[in-house]
Amino acid sequence: MSTIADAKQARIDNLTRVQAERKEQALAKVNQALERMSKQGKKINFQTIAQEANVSVSYLYKYPELKVRIAEIRNQQSVIPRPRQPEPASVKSHQVIVSRLKGRIQQLEKELTDLRKINEGLAGRVYRLTELEALCERQSKRIKDLEERLKVEPAPIPEDNPKVTPIDKGKTRGITDRIKDELDRLGIKLNSTLTRKIKAADEETVLNALSALEEAMGSGNVKNASGFLVRAITERWTKEDSPQQLPQRQPEIYTASPKPDEELVPLDQLKHLLGGTDE
């Protein structure tokens, strides 16, 4: 009999212990939920605490200490004033804000367009600079190559290697500077004939011919200075050959030589051949 009673008491003690543990766990969950919701500023009442702690509302009412604590926190939250909500903006103020925002958007779009144009210009300049840098690199490389080639001893140039000279220098080669100065002073232009004639004569002969030309030019008897000078050099004229004496040195005018008398036809015979009369 005592064995049955002991077993029954043991079951009662076990149930009591289990209920106590469950109560402690539930109380711990509720207290943790209260602390968590208080820190987060959430609304606290029996419904919200039951959801947060995952217990029933009736369970909370079973424990007076929980009931009192939840009620106190709920009352404290009701006494604390809520932050005042800002009044809704009026229609007019709303339109003003919208208008300002639209203007700002347009301004930003314009600035964006200008920046894009500047960016395109800079991109073109960067491309151009890149091309110039590449060109400079190629030129630098070419210069280095040429410098390396110049370090090598160049091949001797044959003495008979023709040199290109300007036309004027080619014409005046072999003519003394004194003759050149006189030609320039008198304004005489060289041609092939005059150049050959000057080169074929000695300097004194040419200078004398130039003096004769200058004397003749002073009297106005020279129409072709180059031709005059050619003849003056050929005939070795000097300044003393005055223009008045020049006609005797002018080229002779050649005419057809008359035929021998025996080849002429008598006048009477010519008239007879032509059928003419003495009248």
Protein backbone atom coordinates (compact mmCIF):
# COMPACT_ATOMS: atom_id res chain seq x y z
CA MET A 1 0.00 0.00 0.00
CA SER A 2 2.81 2.32 0.85
CA THR A 3 4.41 1.56 -2.52
CA ILE A 4 1.38 2.82 -4.47
CA ALA A 5 1.25 5.99 -2.40
CA ASP A 6 4.91 6.65 -2.95
CA ALA A 7 4.55 6.24 -6.71
CA LYS A 8 1.61 8.60 -6.78
CA GLN A 9 3.49 11.21 -4.80
CA ALA A 10 6.44 10.86 -7.11
CA ARG A 11 4.26 11.57 -10.12
CA ILE A 12 2.79 14.61 -8.40
CA ASP A 13 6.23 15.92 -7.53
CA ASN A 14 7.40 15.38 -11.11
CA LEU A 15 4.41 17.25 -12.55
CA THR A 16 4.94 20.09 -10.10
CA ARG A 17 8.57 20.31 -11.07
CA VAL A 18 7.74 20.31 -14.80
CA GLN A 19 5.10 23.01 -14.36
CA ALA A 20 7.53 25.13 -12.40
CA GLU A 21 10.16 24.78 -15.14
CA ARG A 22 7.59 25.68 -17.81
CA LYS A 23 6.49 28.67 -15.77
CA GLU A 24 10.08 29.86 -15.41
CA GLN A 25 10.71 29.43 -19.13
CA ALA A 26 7.53 31.30 -20.03
CA LEU A 27 8.31 34.08 -17.60
CA ALA A 28 11.82 34.35 -19.06
CA LYS A 29 10.41 34.53 -22.59
CA VAL A 30 7.91 37.22 -21.59
CA ASN A 31 10.53 39.27 -19.75
CA GLN A 32 12.89 39.06 -22.73
CA ALA A 33 10.07 40.12 -25.05
CA LEU A 34 9.28 43.09 -22.79
CA GLU A 35 12.88 44.24 -22.71
CA ARG A 36 13.28 43.80 -26.45
CA MET A 37 10.08 45.69 -27.32
CA SER A 38 10.91 48.47 -24.85
CA LYS A 39 14.31 49.01 -26.46
CA GLN A 40 12.74 49.02 -29.93
CA GLY A 41 10.02 51.43 -28.85
CA LYS A 42 7.20 49.12 -29.88
CA LYS A 43 3.71 49.38 -28.53
CA ILE A 44 3.29 47.11 -25.49
CA ASN A 45 0.04 45.49 -24.45
CA PHE A 46 -1.12 41.95 -23.70
CA GLN A 47 -1.74 41.15 -27.37
CA THR A 48 1.66 42.36 -28.66
CA ILE A 49 3.54 40.71 -25.75
CA ALA A 50 1.74 37.40 -26.35
CA GLN A 51 2.72 37.48 -30.05
CA GLU A 52 6.30 38.47 -29.28
CA ALA A 53 6.78 35.82 -26.54
CA ASN A 54 4.80 33.16 -28.44
CA VAL A 55 2.34 32.57 -25.57
CA SER A 56 -1.39 33.00 -25.18
CA VAL A 57 -3.02 36.09 -23.70
CA SER A 58 -4.78 33.95 -21.11
CA TYR A 59 -1.41 32.62 -20.03
CA LEU A 60 -0.28 36.15 -19.26
CA TYR A 61 -3.33 36.75 -17.13
CA LYS A 62 -2.55 33.64 -15.06
CA TYR A 63 0.47 35.34 -13.47
CA PRO A 64 -0.35 38.47 -11.48
CA GLU A 65 3.23 39.73 -11.56
CA LEU A 66 3.24 39.64 -15.39
CA LYS A 67 -0.17 41.20 -15.57
CA VAL A 68 0.88 44.09 -13.31
CA ARG A 69 4.14 44.70 -15.16
CA ILE A 70 2.55 44.71 -18.61
CA ALA A 71 -0.18 47.07 -17.41
CA GLU A 72 2.37 49.49 -15.95
CA ILE A 73 4.40 49.61 -19.15
CA ARG A 74 1.26 50.07 -21.22
CA ASN A 75 0.13 52.97 -19.03
CA GLN A 76 3.55 54.59 -19.21
CA GLN A 77 3.48 54.48 -23.03
CA SER A 78 0.03 56.07 -23.07
CA VAL A 79 1.23 58.96 -20.87
CA ILE A 80 4.35 59.69 -23.01
CA PRO A 81 3.33 62.21 -25.74
CA ARG A 82 3.78 61.05 -29.29
CA PRO A 83 5.89 63.15 -31.63
CA ARG A 84 3.83 65.65 -33.50
CA GLN A 85 3.32 64.70 -37.10
CA PRO A 86 4.13 67.45 -39.63
CA GLU A 87 1.14 69.05 -41.18
CA PRO A 88 0.55 68.09 -44.80
CA ALA A 89 1.78 70.64 -47.30
CA SER A 90 -0.78 72.75 -49.06
CA VAL A 91 -1.42 72.47 -52.76
CA LYS A 92 0.24 75.81 -53.46
CA SER A 93 3.40 74.97 -51.54
CA HIS A 94 3.47 71.62 -53.28
CA GLN A 95 3.35 73.32 -56.68
CA VAL A 96 6.15 75.66 -55.65
CA ILE A 97 8.32 72.72 -54.64
CA VAL A 98 7.56 70.90 -57.88
CA SER A 99 8.38 74.02 -59.92
CA ARG A 100 11.70 74.44 -58.13
CA LEU A 101 12.57 70.81 -58.66
CA LYS A 102 11.73 71.06 -62.37
CA GLY A 103 13.94 74.14 -62.73
CA ARG A 104 16.75 72.38 -60.95
CA ILE A 105 16.36 69.36 -63.21
CA GLN A 106 16.53 71.57 -66.32
CA GLN A 107 19.64 73.29 -64.99
CA LEU A 108 21.28 69.96 -64.28
CA GLU A 109 20.37 68.68 -67.75
CA LYS A 110 21.94 71.78 -69.34
CA GLU A 111 25.08 71.36 -67.26
CA LEU A 112 25.18 67.70 -68.26
CA THR A 113 24.91 68.64 -71.97
CA ASP A 114 27.71 71.20 -71.63
CA LEU A 115 29.88 68.68 -69.83
CA ARG A 116 29.27 66.13 -72.57
CA LYS A 117 30.37 68.65 -75.22
CA ILE A 118 33.48 69.47 -73.21
CA ASN A 119 34.13 65.77 -72.78
CA GLU A 120 33.86 65.19 -76.53
CA GLY A 121 36.29 68.03 -77.21
CA LEU A 122 38.72 66.69 -74.66
CA ALA A 123 38.38 63.21 -76.12
CA GLY A 124 39.31 64.61 -79.55
CA ARG A 125 42.30 66.41 -78.11
CA VAL A 126 43.40 63.28 -76.27
CA TYR A 127 43.17 61.33 -79.53
CA ARG A 128 45.17 64.02 -81.33
CA LEU A 129 47.79 64.06 -78.58
CA THR A 130 48.00 60.29 -78.76
CA GLU A 131 48.62 60.49 -82.51
CA LEU A 132 51.26 63.20 -82.00
CA GLU A 133 52.98 61.15 -79.32
CA ALA A 134 53.08 58.18 -81.65
CA LEU A 135 54.47 60.42 -84.42
CA CYS A 136 57.11 61.82 -82.07
CA GLU A 137 58.13 58.33 -81.10
CA ARG A 138 58.49 57.32 -84.73
CA GLN A 139 60.50 60.45 -85.53
CA SER A 140 62.71 59.92 -82.49
CA LYS A 141 63.37 56.37 -83.57
CA ARG A 142 64.15 57.53 -87.09
CA ILE A 143 66.55 60.18 -85.77
CA LYS A 144 68.31 57.58 -83.66
CA ASP A 145 68.61 55.31 -86.67
CA LEU A 146 70.09 58.15 -88.73
CA GLU A 147 72.51 59.01 -85.94
CA GLU A 148 73.64 55.41 -85.81
CA ARG A 149 74.10 55.40 -89.56
CA LEU A 150 76.09 58.65 -89.42
CA LYS A 151 78.48 57.08 -86.92
CA VAL A 152 79.57 54.70 -89.66
CA GLU A 153 82.20 56.21 -91.99
CA PRO A 154 80.43 57.31 -95.19
CA ALA A 155 81.61 56.03 -98.56
CA PRO A 156 83.85 58.45 -100.52
CA ILE A 157 82.02 60.53 -103.08
CA PRO A 158 83.57 60.38 -106.58
CA GLU A 159 85.15 63.62 -107.73
CA ASP A 160 83.22 63.52 -110.97
CA ASN A 161 79.94 63.25 -109.10
CA PRO A 162 77.80 66.03 -110.58
CA LYS A 163 76.42 68.56 -108.15
CA VAL A 164 73.13 70.26 -108.61
CA THR A 165 73.49 74.03 -108.66
CA PRO A 166 70.92 76.75 -109.18
CA ILE A 167 70.44 78.02 -112.71
CA ASP A 168 71.73 81.49 -111.94
CA LYS A 169 74.86 80.15 -110.30
CA GLY A 170 75.41 77.82 -113.23
CA LYS A 171 75.21 80.74 -115.67
CA THR A 172 77.57 82.98 -113.75
CA ARG A 173 80.16 80.31 -113.04
CA GLY A 174 83.44 81.38 -114.61
CA ILE A 175 82.46 85.09 -114.56
CA THR A 176 84.42 87.29 -112.17
CA ASP A 177 82.70 89.17 -109.39
CA ARG A 178 83.76 92.49 -110.87
CA ILE A 179 82.01 91.69 -114.15
CA LYS A 180 78.93 90.52 -112.23
CA ASP A 181 78.82 93.78 -110.30
CA GLU A 182 79.05 95.82 -113.51
CA LEU A 183 76.31 93.76 -115.15
CA ASP A 184 74.05 94.28 -112.12
CA ARG A 185 74.83 97.99 -112.03
CA LEU A 186 73.90 98.44 -115.69
CA GLY A 187 70.82 96.18 -115.31
CA ILE A 188 71.91 93.69 -117.97
CA LYS A 189 70.42 90.21 -117.82
CA LEU A 190 72.52 87.28 -119.00
CA ASN A 191 71.43 85.03 -121.82
CA SER A 192 73.18 82.03 -123.29
CA THR A 193 74.92 83.97 -126.09
CA LEU A 194 76.16 86.76 -123.83
CA THR A 195 77.28 84.25 -121.19
CA ARG A 196 79.35 82.29 -123.69
CA LYS A 197 80.83 85.49 -125.07
CA ILE A 198 81.86 86.76 -121.62
CA LYS A 199 83.38 83.45 -120.61
CA ALA A 200 85.34 83.26 -123.89
CA ALA A 201 86.90 86.74 -123.41
CA ASP A 202 89.30 88.00 -120.78
CA GLU A 203 88.15 90.27 -117.95
CA GLU A 204 89.75 93.44 -119.40
CA THR A 205 88.02 93.01 -122.75
CA VAL A 206 84.63 92.53 -121.06
CA LEU A 207 85.13 95.51 -118.76
CA ASN A 208 86.12 97.70 -121.72
CA ALA A 209 83.02 96.56 -123.61
CA LEU A 210 80.90 97.39 -120.55
CA SER A 211 82.46 100.88 -120.46
CA ALA A 212 81.60 101.36 -124.13
CA LEU A 213 78.06 100.17 -123.44
CA GLU A 214 77.67 102.58 -120.53
CA GLU A 215 78.91 105.46 -122.72
CA ALA A 216 76.49 104.53 -125.48
CA MET A 217 73.60 104.15 -123.04
CA GLY A 218 74.29 107.64 -121.79
CA SER A 219 73.74 109.04 -125.29
CA GLY A 220 70.61 106.99 -125.85
CA ASN A 221 71.94 105.04 -128.84
CA VAL A 222 71.38 101.58 -127.34
CA LYS A 223 68.16 99.67 -127.96
CA ASN A 224 69.40 96.17 -127.12
CA ALA A 225 72.00 96.26 -124.36
CA SER A 226 72.77 92.52 -124.48
CA GLY A 227 73.25 92.55 -128.25
CA PHE A 228 75.37 95.71 -128.02
CA LEU A 229 77.56 94.09 -125.38
CA VAL A 230 78.01 90.91 -127.44
CA ARG A 231 79.25 92.96 -130.37
CA ALA A 232 81.39 95.19 -128.15
CA ILE A 233 83.13 92.14 -126.70
CA THR A 234 83.56 90.53 -130.13
CA GLU A 235 85.06 93.67 -131.66
CA ARG A 236 86.93 94.63 -128.46
CA TRP A 237 85.37 98.09 -128.11
CA THR A 238 86.49 100.52 -125.47
CA LYS A 239 85.03 103.60 -123.91
CA GLU A 240 86.76 105.74 -126.52
CA ASP A 241 84.52 104.19 -129.18
CA SER A 242 81.93 106.97 -128.99
CA PRO A 243 78.37 106.35 -130.12
CA GLN A 244 78.92 108.72 -133.07
CA GLN A 245 81.59 106.36 -134.44
CA LEU A 246 79.50 103.27 -133.91
CA PRO A 247 77.56 103.38 -137.23
CA GLN A 248 80.75 102.51 -139.12
CA ARG A 249 80.89 99.36 -137.00
CA GLN A 250 77.23 98.46 -137.62
CA PRO A 251 76.64 95.25 -139.53
CA GLU A 252 76.87 95.64 -143.29
CA ILE A 253 73.68 95.39 -145.28
CA TYR A 254 74.09 92.81 -148.01
CA THR A 255 72.19 93.17 -151.37
CA ALA A 256 71.93 90.94 -154.37
CA SER A 257 74.90 91.31 -156.69
CA PRO A 258 73.98 92.62 -160.22
CA LYS A 259 74.22 90.09 -163.00
CA PRO A 260 76.77 90.51 -165.75
CA ASP A 261 75.78 92.85 -168.53
CA GLU A 262 75.66 90.07 -171.02
CA GLU A 263 72.86 88.46 -169.11
CA LEU A 264 70.62 91.56 -169.27
CA VAL A 265 67.89 91.66 -171.96
CA PRO A 266 67.97 94.84 -174.16
CA LEU A 267 65.06 97.23 -173.67
CA ASP A 268 63.93 97.02 -177.34
CA GLN A 269 63.85 93.25 -177.19
CA LEU A 270 61.95 93.32 -173.92
CA LYS A 271 59.30 95.62 -175.41
CA HIS A 272 58.98 93.36 -178.39
CA LEU A 273 58.54 90.34 -176.16
CA LEU A 274 55.90 92.13 -174.16
CA GLY A 275 54.17 93.37 -177.29
CA GLY A 276 54.69 96.94 -176.43
CA THR A 277 55.45 100.02 -178.57
CA ASP A 278 57.62 103.07 -178.23
CA GLU A 279 54.64 105.20 -177.46
